Amino acid sequence: MAGWQIWVDRGGTFTDIVAIAPDGEFKSHKLLSENPAQYPNSAIQGIRDIMDLPREQPIPQALIEHVKIGTTVATNALLERKGAKTALITTRGFRDALKIATQNRPNIFALDIKLPESLYQTVVEIDERILVDGKVEKQLKIEDIRTQLQTLKSENFEALAIVLMHGWKNPQHELALELLAKEVGFKQISLSHRCSQTIKIIPRGDTCVADAYLTPVMQDYVRQIVDALGNVPLYFMQSSGALCSADMFHGKDAILSGPAGGIIGASRTTQALDIKKIIAFDMGGTSTDVAHYAGSYERSYITEVSGVRIAAPMMNINTVAAGGGSICRYQDGRFQVGPESAGAFPGPACYRNGGPLTVTDCNLILGKIIPQAFPNVFGPQGNQALDKNAALDKLNQIQAQLLQDKIVKSITQIAQGFITIAVDNMANAVRKISTQKGHDLKEYTLTCFGGAGGSMRA
């Protein structure tokens, strides 16, 4: 008899489990991605729940055929800038290269240029130089570098991104720095020639920095699952749409892990309905991901996500920081939605954990979310329904702020105002992958999935 086949989608707010039991029965389960009082890891707890196991009982590894996971852990860490404390190590004279970058201006007429927030917190310049033909012009000064690395370690930096000129041609200096960094005690060391083989230092460097910034977050998550599952075959969805083993799952390949699996699922589902062209739309708790599909998967080698350029194979997906958990506020004289998210804990105000006002709360007040349709997984004990009064209290606070500025709006108008902003952000994401590329949307079907998929169908 075959064992359990389990698939996990770990989103920023909810984790969804689908499984085929050994007897062939199909099962599904949903739980909050974060609920510290109840469980440390939602994927493992979801597997326990779906197998009807007590919380303290070890997972019977022999009964599981495989586990395959897609996750937005890296996506959300990037969108919310919650990665590891990272230092960039580069050739002397190039400390500002990644900041200056290509000087592309998406809004060419903007007078106030706002640069994306850097993922690294400091830059250390190294006296070294390798020429374009791979010849070493200036050797490393080992003891000087050791002192610089020890200083970074004392300042609690967790990750290093080593990006040297022409490291793609001759990586010996990057490899030497890696050995030194390990001696000093660094565990996360990303080398640009490993992260990307491109000649250009900007995309290679950006990819290396993203890998250093995100990999510790991913490793912590993967380690929890490996510890619980032991020898069970465990695979993760990569941004390219391909699966890899747990030990090969790195930050740079995890940014679009969850959405990539969703695009594949959306295309397979619509093919079964003989629908040829779709706009795939995934609104989750933290982000909204959209993609274009017309018979083949679109991939790109250089992708920009939340202002960060990644030179690695990825599904061509446009991600914006607008989802059900996006925080709504009245600040600086205007309504603002995101990019910060309430996540799964504390979550939106209506989740009963003292969270802030979010898009989900606004939808609840407007009647677009029906509390009875949600599982009773909220509150400190994880067993209560959505709390409409908590959402109303937060909107009352916004209303009071507006009155101080002599602006009179009803609770419904305030909630709808926030929703309008969120919808505009999402609609702009759709435009970027459709009409701005010359596709006629009249020929396409909007295929919704993710956390908000069910409510959109209604």
Protein backbone atom coordinates (compact mmCIF):
# COMPACT_ATOMS: atom_id res chain seq x y z
CA MET A 1 0.00 0.00 0.00
CA ALA A 2 1.28 3.49 -0.90
CA GLY A 3 2.11 5.96 1.85
CA TRP A 4 0.82 9.47 2.48
CA GLN A 5 1.43 11.96 -0.32
CA ILE A 6 1.40 15.48 1.15
CA TRP A 7 1.58 18.93 -0.45
CA VAL A 8 1.99 22.11 1.60
CA ASP A 9 1.48 25.76 0.66
CA ARG A 10 2.91 27.92 3.41
CA GLY A 11 1.68 31.47 2.88
CA GLY A 12 2.26 34.59 4.92
CA THR A 13 -1.08 34.25 6.75
CA PHE A 14 -2.47 30.75 6.15
CA THR A 15 -0.89 27.38 5.50
CA ASP A 16 -2.87 24.97 3.33
CA ILE A 17 -2.31 21.21 3.30
CA VAL A 18 -3.65 18.78 0.72
CA ALA A 19 -2.93 15.07 0.91
CA ILE A 20 -3.80 11.68 -0.46
CA ALA A 21 -4.09 9.09 2.31
CA PRO A 22 -2.79 5.54 1.84
CA ASP A 23 -6.35 4.36 1.13
CA GLY A 24 -6.70 6.94 -1.67
CA GLU A 25 -8.87 9.41 0.24
CA PHE A 26 -8.26 13.09 -0.58
CA LYS A 27 -7.91 15.39 2.42
CA SER A 28 -7.37 19.13 2.89
CA HIS A 29 -6.67 21.33 5.89
CA LYS A 30 -6.08 25.04 6.65
CA LEU A 31 -4.38 26.66 9.64
CA LEU A 32 -2.64 29.93 10.54
CA SER A 33 0.97 30.14 9.39
CA GLU A 34 2.01 31.55 12.75
CA ASN A 35 0.46 30.74 16.09
CA PRO A 36 3.34 30.64 18.61
CA ALA A 37 1.15 29.63 21.53
CA GLN A 38 -0.08 26.54 19.68
CA TYR A 39 2.74 25.30 17.41
CA PRO A 40 6.22 26.37 16.22
CA ASN A 41 5.84 25.36 12.56
CA SER A 42 2.55 25.40 10.64
CA ALA A 43 3.66 22.90 7.99
CA ILE A 44 4.53 20.26 10.58
CA GLN A 45 1.39 20.97 12.61
CA GLY A 46 -0.70 20.76 9.44
CA ILE A 47 0.80 17.36 8.62
CA ARG A 48 0.00 16.19 12.16
CA ASP A 49 -3.56 17.45 11.86
CA ILE A 50 -4.20 15.84 8.51
CA MET A 51 -2.81 12.50 9.77
CA ASP A 52 -4.87 12.80 13.01
CA LEU A 53 -1.77 12.68 15.21
CA PRO A 54 -1.53 14.05 18.77
CA ARG A 55 0.78 17.05 19.06
CA GLU A 56 3.38 15.23 21.18
CA GLN A 57 3.59 12.10 18.98
CA PRO A 58 6.53 11.92 16.52
CA ILE A 59 5.50 11.87 12.87
CA PRO A 60 5.68 8.25 11.61
CA GLN A 61 8.21 8.67 8.78
CA ALA A 62 7.64 5.21 7.32
CA LEU A 63 4.01 6.08 6.53
CA ILE A 64 4.85 9.10 4.34
CA GLU A 65 5.80 8.67 0.69
CA HIS A 66 6.86 12.29 0.14
CA VAL A 67 6.22 15.90 1.18
CA LYS A 68 6.38 18.78 -1.32
CA ILE A 69 6.32 22.38 -0.15
CA GLY A 70 5.81 25.77 -1.74
CA THR A 71 6.36 28.75 0.52
CA THR A 72 6.25 32.52 0.55
CA VAL A 73 8.61 32.76 3.55
CA ALA A 74 11.35 34.29 1.38
CA THR A 75 8.89 36.43 -0.59
CA ASN A 76 7.45 37.97 2.56
CA ALA A 77 10.88 38.47 4.16
CA LEU A 78 11.92 40.39 1.04
CA LEU A 79 8.72 42.45 0.78
CA GLU A 80 8.79 43.37 4.46
CA ARG A 81 12.60 43.62 4.68
CA LYS A 82 12.80 41.03 7.47
CA GLY A 83 15.86 39.09 6.34
CA ALA A 84 19.20 38.55 8.07
CA LYS A 85 21.52 41.42 9.05
CA THR A 86 23.78 41.42 5.99
CA ALA A 87 27.14 42.98 5.12
CA LEU A 88 28.39 43.46 1.56
CA ILE A 89 32.08 42.75 0.93
CA THR A 90 33.38 44.12 -2.35
CA THR A 91 36.48 45.34 -4.18
CA ARG A 92 37.87 48.69 -3.04
CA GLY A 93 36.39 51.54 -5.05
CA PHE A 94 33.07 49.78 -5.72
CA ARG A 95 31.21 50.29 -2.43
CA ASP A 96 28.42 52.24 -4.16
CA ALA A 97 28.18 50.13 -7.32
CA LEU A 98 25.05 48.23 -6.27
CA LYS A 99 23.43 51.39 -4.93
CA ILE A 100 24.07 53.32 -8.15
CA ALA A 101 23.15 50.21 -10.16
CA THR A 102 21.89 50.78 -13.70
CA GLN A 103 20.23 54.13 -12.97
CA ASN A 104 17.06 52.91 -14.69
CA ARG A 105 14.14 55.26 -14.04
CA PRO A 106 10.76 53.50 -14.25
CA ASN A 107 9.06 56.89 -13.84
CA ILE A 108 11.19 59.05 -16.09
CA PHE A 109 9.49 62.34 -15.16
CA ALA A 110 9.69 61.86 -11.38
CA LEU A 111 11.52 64.75 -9.72
CA ASP A 112 11.86 62.96 -6.38
CA ILE A 113 13.73 59.70 -7.06
CA LYS A 114 13.11 57.14 -4.31
CA LEU A 115 15.72 54.38 -4.30
CA PRO A 116 14.69 50.92 -3.05
CA GLU A 117 15.91 50.12 0.44
CA SER A 118 19.20 48.19 0.31
CA LEU A 119 19.24 44.67 1.72
CA TYR A 120 22.75 45.13 3.13
CA GLN A 121 23.40 47.36 6.13
CA THR A 122 27.08 48.07 5.63
CA VAL A 123 29.83 47.75 3.02
CA VAL A 124 33.39 46.58 3.60
CA GLU A 125 35.88 47.34 0.84
CA ILE A 126 38.73 44.86 0.29
CA ASP A 127 42.12 45.72 -1.17
CA GLU A 128 42.18 43.25 -4.07
CA ARG A 129 41.79 43.23 -7.83
CA ILE A 130 41.35 40.57 -10.47
CA LEU A 131 41.39 41.65 -14.10
CA VAL A 132 38.85 40.73 -16.75
CA ASP A 133 41.10 37.96 -18.08
CA GLY A 134 41.29 36.38 -14.60
CA LYS A 135 44.82 37.58 -13.82
CA VAL A 136 45.42 38.63 -10.19
CA GLU A 137 46.65 42.23 -10.14
CA LYS A 138 46.45 42.84 -6.37
CA GLN A 139 46.65 40.05 -3.80
CA LEU A 140 44.52 39.84 -0.66
CA LYS A 141 45.91 41.19 2.63
CA ILE A 142 44.76 38.34 4.85
CA GLU A 143 45.36 39.82 8.30
CA ASP A 144 43.73 43.15 7.43
CA ILE A 145 40.69 41.31 6.11
CA ARG A 146 40.51 39.06 9.19
CA THR A 147 40.32 42.17 11.38
CA GLN A 148 37.53 43.63 9.23
CA LEU A 149 35.54 40.37 9.42
CA GLN A 150 35.98 40.16 13.20
CA THR A 151 34.61 43.67 13.49
CA LEU A 152 31.51 42.66 11.51
CA LYS A 153 31.05 39.61 13.72
CA SER A 154 31.27 41.75 16.87
CA GLU A 155 28.56 44.01 15.40
CA ASN A 156 26.20 40.98 15.14
CA PHE A 157 26.11 40.69 11.36
CA GLU A 158 24.58 37.33 10.45
CA ALA A 159 25.31 37.04 6.72
CA LEU A 160 28.01 38.07 4.25
CA ALA A 161 27.60 38.75 0.54
CA ILE A 162 31.00 38.59 -1.14
CA VAL A 163 30.94 40.37 -4.51
CA LEU A 164 34.33 40.97 -6.13
CA MET A 165 35.16 42.40 -9.53
CA HIS A 166 35.52 39.63 -12.12
CA GLY A 167 34.84 36.93 -9.54
CA TRP A 168 32.95 35.14 -12.32
CA LYS A 169 36.23 34.68 -14.23
CA ASN A 170 38.54 33.84 -11.35
CA PRO A 171 36.84 33.07 -8.01
CA GLN A 172 40.00 32.45 -5.97
CA HIS A 173 39.68 35.64 -3.91
CA GLU A 174 36.00 35.02 -3.17
CA LEU A 175 36.85 31.47 -2.08
CA ALA A 176 39.69 32.71 0.12
CA LEU A 177 37.38 35.23 1.79
CA GLU A 178 34.84 32.46 2.39
CA LEU A 179 37.46 30.41 4.27
CA LEU A 180 38.43 33.44 6.37
CA ALA A 181 34.80 34.22 7.16
CA LYS A 182 34.20 30.64 8.31
CA GLU A 183 37.25 30.87 10.59
CA VAL A 184 35.82 34.05 12.11
CA GLY A 185 32.51 32.27 12.74
CA PHE A 186 30.13 33.30 9.96
CA LYS A 187 27.69 30.60 8.91
CA GLN A 188 25.92 32.30 6.00
CA ILE A 189 28.40 33.31 3.30
CA SER A 190 27.17 33.89 -0.24
CA LEU A 191 29.67 34.16 -3.10
CA SER A 192 28.68 36.03 -6.24
CA HIS A 193 30.21 33.51 -8.67
CA ARG A 194 28.08 30.75 -7.12
CA CYS A 195 24.88 32.75 -6.98
CA SER A 196 25.06 33.93 -10.60
CA GLN A 197 27.52 33.32 -13.42
CA THR A 198 26.72 36.56 -15.19
CA ILE A 199 29.66 38.83 -16.11
CA LYS A 200 27.94 42.04 -15.00
CA ILE A 201 28.64 42.93 -11.39
CA ILE A 202 25.28 44.63 -10.74
CA PRO A 203 22.92 41.66 -11.34
CA ARG A 204 25.53 39.24 -9.97
CA GLY A 205 25.99 41.37 -6.86
CA ASP A 206 22.29 41.96 -6.28
CA THR A 207 21.62 38.22 -6.56
CA CYS A 208 24.40 37.45 -4.09
CA VAL A 209 23.11 40.01 -1.58
CA ALA A 210 19.56 38.65 -1.85
CA ASP A 211 20.84 35.11 -1.31
CA ALA A 212 22.79 36.14 1.80
CA TYR A 213 19.85 38.16 3.13
CA LEU A 214 17.19 35.46 2.64
CA THR A 215 18.98 32.12 3.04
CA PRO A 216 19.20 32.24 6.88
CA VAL A 217 15.44 32.81 7.02
CA MET A 218 14.87 29.85 4.68
CA GLN A 219 17.36 27.62 6.49
CA ASP A 220 15.64 28.18 9.83
CA TYR A 221 12.33 27.24 8.26
CA VAL A 222 13.67 24.20 6.38
CA ARG A 223 15.60 22.96 9.43
CA GLN A 224 12.43 22.81 11.54
CA ILE A 225 10.73 20.64 8.91
CA VAL A 226 13.73 18.37 8.36
CA ASP A 227 14.08 17.81 12.11
CA ALA A 228 10.44 16.69 12.33
CA LEU A 229 10.34 14.59 9.14
CA GLY A 230 13.76 12.98 9.32
CA ASN A 231 14.33 10.77 6.28
CA VAL A 232 11.02 11.50 4.56
CA PRO A 233 11.68 12.62 0.94
CA LEU A 234 11.22 16.40 1.15
CA TYR A 235 11.09 18.74 -1.84
CA PHE A 236 10.66 22.49 -2.22
CA MET A 237 9.27 24.47 -5.13
CA GLN A 238 11.79 26.91 -6.59
CA SER A 239 11.07 30.24 -8.26
CA SER A 240 11.68 28.61 -11.65
CA GLY A 241 8.80 26.16 -11.13
CA ALA A 242 11.14 23.20 -10.54
CA LEU A 243 11.39 21.11 -7.39
CA CYS A 244 14.62 20.65 -5.43
CA SER A 245 15.69 18.76 -2.33
CA ALA A 246 15.78 20.55 1.02
CA ASP A 247 19.59 20.85 1.10
CA MET A 248 19.60 22.62 -2.30
CA PHE A 249 16.95 25.20 -1.38
CA HIS A 250 18.62 28.63 -1.17
CA GLY A 251 17.31 32.15 -0.68
CA LYS A 252 17.82 33.34 -4.27
CA ASP A 253 15.76 30.39 -5.57
CA ALA A 254 12.96 30.74 -3.00
CA ILE A 255 11.64 34.23 -3.66
CA LEU A 256 8.73 33.09 -5.84
CA SER A 257 8.44 29.54 -4.49
CA GLY A 258 4.77 29.73 -3.48
CA PRO A 259 3.49 31.73 -6.48
CA ALA A 260 5.41 29.53 -8.96
CA GLY A 261 3.52 26.47 -7.77
CA GLY A 262 0.27 28.39 -7.99
CA ILE A 263 0.89 29.39 -11.61
CA ILE A 264 1.48 25.77 -12.58
CA GLY A 265 -1.70 24.73 -10.79
CA ALA A 266 -3.74 27.50 -12.41
CA SER A 267 -2.53 26.59 -15.90
CA ARG A 268 -3.28 22.87 -15.41
CA THR A 269 -6.75 23.62 -14.05
CA THR A 270 -7.71 25.92 -16.91
CA GLN A 271 -6.30 23.52 -19.51
CA ALA A 272 -8.77 20.94 -18.22
CA LEU A 273 -11.53 23.49 -18.99
CA ASP A 274 -10.09 24.11 -22.47
CA ILE A 275 -9.12 27.70 -21.57
CA LYS A 276 -6.02 28.69 -23.51
CA LYS A 277 -5.07 32.13 -22.16
CA ILE A 278 -5.18 33.26 -18.55
CA ILE A 279 -4.11 36.02 -16.20
CA ALA A 280 -3.22 34.14 -13.02
CA PHE A 281 -4.08 36.18 -9.93
CA ASP A 282 -3.00 35.13 -6.45
CA MET A 283 -4.09 37.41 -3.60
CA GLY A 284 -2.73 36.12 -0.33
CA GLY A 285 -2.25 37.58 3.10
CA THR A 286 0.93 39.56 2.48
CA SER A 287 1.29 39.93 -1.28
CA THR A 288 -0.53 39.65 -4.58
CA ASP A 289 1.15 37.78 -7.42
CA VAL A 290 0.05 37.93 -11.05
CA ALA A 291 1.32 36.15 -14.15
CA HIS A 292 0.53 35.78 -17.85
CA TYR A 293 0.02 32.34 -19.41
CA ALA A 294 -0.85 31.60 -23.02
CA GLY A 295 0.19 28.01 -23.59
CA SER A 296 3.71 28.17 -22.13
CA TYR A 297 5.30 29.31 -18.89
CA GLU A 298 7.07 32.64 -19.12
CA ARG A 299 10.44 32.71 -17.39
CA SER A 300 13.03 35.42 -17.07
CA TYR A 301 16.69 35.32 -16.09
CA ILE A 302 16.80 38.78 -14.52
CA THR A 303 13.78 39.64 -12.39
CA GLU A 304 13.05 42.58 -10.13
CA VAL A 305 11.10 41.87 -6.96
CA SER A 306 10.40 44.70 -4.50
CA GLY A 307 13.22 46.78 -5.94
CA VAL A 308 15.75 43.91 -5.84
CA ARG A 309 17.19 42.49 -9.08
CA ILE A 310 17.75 38.72 -9.13
CA ALA A 311 19.78 37.05 -11.91
CA ALA A 312 18.42 33.51 -11.64
CA PRO A 313 15.78 31.56 -13.58
CA MET A 314 12.30 32.53 -12.35
CA MET A 315 8.71 32.37 -13.39
CA ASN A 316 7.76 35.75 -14.81
CA ILE A 317 5.56 36.84 -11.90
CA ASN A 318 4.82 40.38 -10.79
CA THR A 319 4.56 40.68 -7.01
CA VAL A 320 3.15 43.65 -5.11
CA ALA A 321 2.95 44.14 -1.35
CA ALA A 322 -0.84 44.19 -1.20
CA GLY A 323 -2.80 41.39 0.41
CA GLY A 324 -5.39 40.63 3.03
CA GLY A 325 -2.92 41.33 5.84
CA SER A 326 -1.64 44.64 4.43
CA ILE A 327 -1.81 47.25 7.19
CA CYS A 328 -4.20 50.18 6.63
CA ARG A 329 -3.43 53.53 8.23
CA TYR A 330 -4.22 57.23 8.00
CA GLN A 331 -0.86 58.98 8.04
CA ASP A 332 0.65 62.17 6.60
CA GLY A 333 -2.82 63.33 5.59
CA ARG A 334 -3.66 60.33 3.40
CA PHE A 335 -4.82 56.72 3.46
CA GLN A 336 -1.97 54.19 3.15
CA VAL A 337 -2.11 50.44 2.53
CA GLY A 338 1.01 48.31 3.09
CA PRO A 339 3.71 47.39 2.34
CA GLU A 340 3.88 46.22 5.96
CA SER A 341 1.73 43.21 6.76
CA ALA A 342 0.16 41.98 9.98
CA GLY A 343 1.09 38.43 8.95
CA ALA A 344 -0.53 35.48 10.67
CA PHE A 345 0.38 36.70 14.16
CA PRO A 346 -0.89 39.01 15.44
CA GLY A 347 -2.69 39.12 12.09
CA PRO A 348 -5.57 41.45 11.23
CA ALA A 349 -7.55 42.97 14.08
CA CYS A 350 -10.38 40.50 13.50
CA TYR A 351 -8.01 37.58 14.26
CA ARG A 352 -8.41 38.38 17.99
CA ASN A 353 -4.71 38.84 18.78
CA GLY A 354 -4.57 42.63 19.03
CA GLY A 355 -3.47 43.14 15.45
CA PRO A 356 -3.74 46.34 13.38
CA LEU A 357 -6.37 47.38 10.84
CA THR A 358 -5.86 45.52 7.54
CA VAL A 359 -7.48 44.93 4.17
CA THR A 360 -9.13 41.81 5.62
CA ASP A 361 -10.78 43.88 8.36
CA CYS A 362 -12.11 46.34 5.78
CA ASN A 363 -13.53 43.51 3.67
CA LEU A 364 -15.14 42.05 6.78
CA ILE A 365 -16.88 45.34 7.62
CA LEU A 366 -18.04 45.74 4.01
CA GLY A 367 -19.61 42.27 4.07
CA LYS A 368 -17.23 40.79 1.50
CA ILE A 369 -15.98 38.26 4.04
CA ILE A 370 -18.45 35.98 5.80
CA PRO A 371 -17.16 34.96 9.27
CA GLN A 372 -19.07 31.67 9.15
CA ALA A 373 -17.07 30.65 6.06
CA PHE A 374 -13.76 30.91 7.94
CA PRO A 375 -12.39 28.15 10.20
CA ASN A 376 -12.43 28.78 13.97
CA VAL A 377 -8.65 29.08 14.31
CA PHE A 378 -8.31 32.58 15.79
CA GLY A 379 -7.66 34.04 19.22
CA PRO A 380 -5.07 33.05 21.86
CA GLN A 381 -6.26 29.43 21.92
CA GLY A 382 -6.74 29.14 18.17
CA ASN A 383 -10.38 28.10 18.47
CA GLN A 384 -12.47 31.25 17.88
CA ALA A 385 -14.21 32.82 14.90
CA LEU A 386 -13.40 36.15 13.25
CA ASP A 387 -14.20 39.17 15.44
CA LYS A 388 -16.08 41.85 13.50
CA ASN A 389 -16.19 44.18 16.51
CA ALA A 390 -12.38 44.32 16.71
CA ALA A 391 -12.23 45.42 13.07
CA LEU A 392 -14.94 48.03 13.75
CA ASP A 393 -12.98 49.41 16.73
CA LYS A 394 -9.93 49.99 14.53
CA LEU A 395 -12.00 51.77 11.89
CA ASN A 396 -13.54 53.95 14.63
CA GLN A 397 -10.01 55.01 15.58
CA ILE A 398 -9.31 56.01 11.96
CA GLN A 399 -12.59 57.92 11.90
CA ALA A 400 -11.52 59.84 15.02
CA GLN A 401 -8.19 60.75 13.38
CA LEU A 402 -10.03 62.06 10.34
CA LEU A 403 -12.32 64.18 12.52
CA GLN A 404 -9.26 65.81 14.07
CA ASP A 405 -8.36 66.94 10.54
CA LYS A 406 -11.99 68.06 10.03
CA ILE A 407 -12.71 65.24 7.54
CA VAL A 408 -16.07 63.55 7.92
CA LYS A 409 -16.41 60.03 6.54
CA SER A 410 -18.57 57.08 7.51
CA ILE A 411 -17.07 53.77 8.59
CA THR A 412 -18.14 52.24 5.28
CA GLN A 413 -16.50 55.04 3.28
CA ILE A 414 -13.25 54.63 5.21
CA ALA A 415 -13.18 50.86 4.67
CA GLN A 416 -13.98 51.28 0.99
CA GLY A 417 -11.25 53.91 0.65
CA PHE A 418 -8.61 51.48 1.87
CA ILE A 419 -9.95 48.73 -0.40
CA THR A 420 -9.80 51.06 -3.41
CA ILE A 421 -6.11 51.73 -2.78
CA ALA A 422 -5.34 48.01 -2.44
CA VAL A 423 -7.28 47.19 -5.60
CA ASP A 424 -5.44 49.90 -7.54
CA ASN A 425 -2.11 48.38 -6.51
CA MET A 426 -3.27 44.96 -7.66
CA ALA A 427 -4.72 46.26 -10.93
CA ASN A 428 -1.41 47.97 -11.72
CA ALA A 429 0.34 44.64 -11.26
CA VAL A 430 -2.01 43.05 -13.81
CA ARG A 431 -1.39 45.89 -16.28
CA LYS A 432 2.37 45.36 -16.10
CA ILE A 433 2.16 41.74 -17.24
CA SER A 434 -0.64 42.23 -19.78
CA THR A 435 -1.58 45.47 -21.52
CA GLN A 436 1.86 47.04 -21.05
CA LYS A 437 3.28 44.07 -22.98
CA GLY A 438 0.71 44.32 -25.76
CA HIS A 439 -1.69 41.57 -24.71
CA ASP A 440 -5.42 42.12 -25.32
CA LEU A 441 -7.17 41.24 -22.07
CA LYS A 442 -10.43 40.52 -23.90
CA GLU A 443 -8.86 37.23 -24.97
CA TYR A 444 -7.98 36.18 -21.42
CA THR A 445 -9.68 34.61 -18.42
CA LEU A 446 -8.83 35.94 -14.97
CA THR A 447 -7.95 32.86 -12.93
CA CYS A 448 -8.00 33.56 -9.20
CA PHE A 449 -6.43 31.37 -6.57
CA GLY A 450 -4.67 31.83 -3.23
CA GLY A 451 -6.28 33.05 -0.02
CA ALA A 452 -8.81 35.34 -1.72
CA GLY A 453 -9.64 32.98 -4.58
CA GLY A 454 -12.81 31.66 -2.98
CA SER A 455 -14.29 35.07 -2.27
CA MET A 456 -13.50 36.23 -5.81
CA ARG A 457 -15.41 33.32 -7.29
CA ALA A 458 -18.43 34.41 -5.26
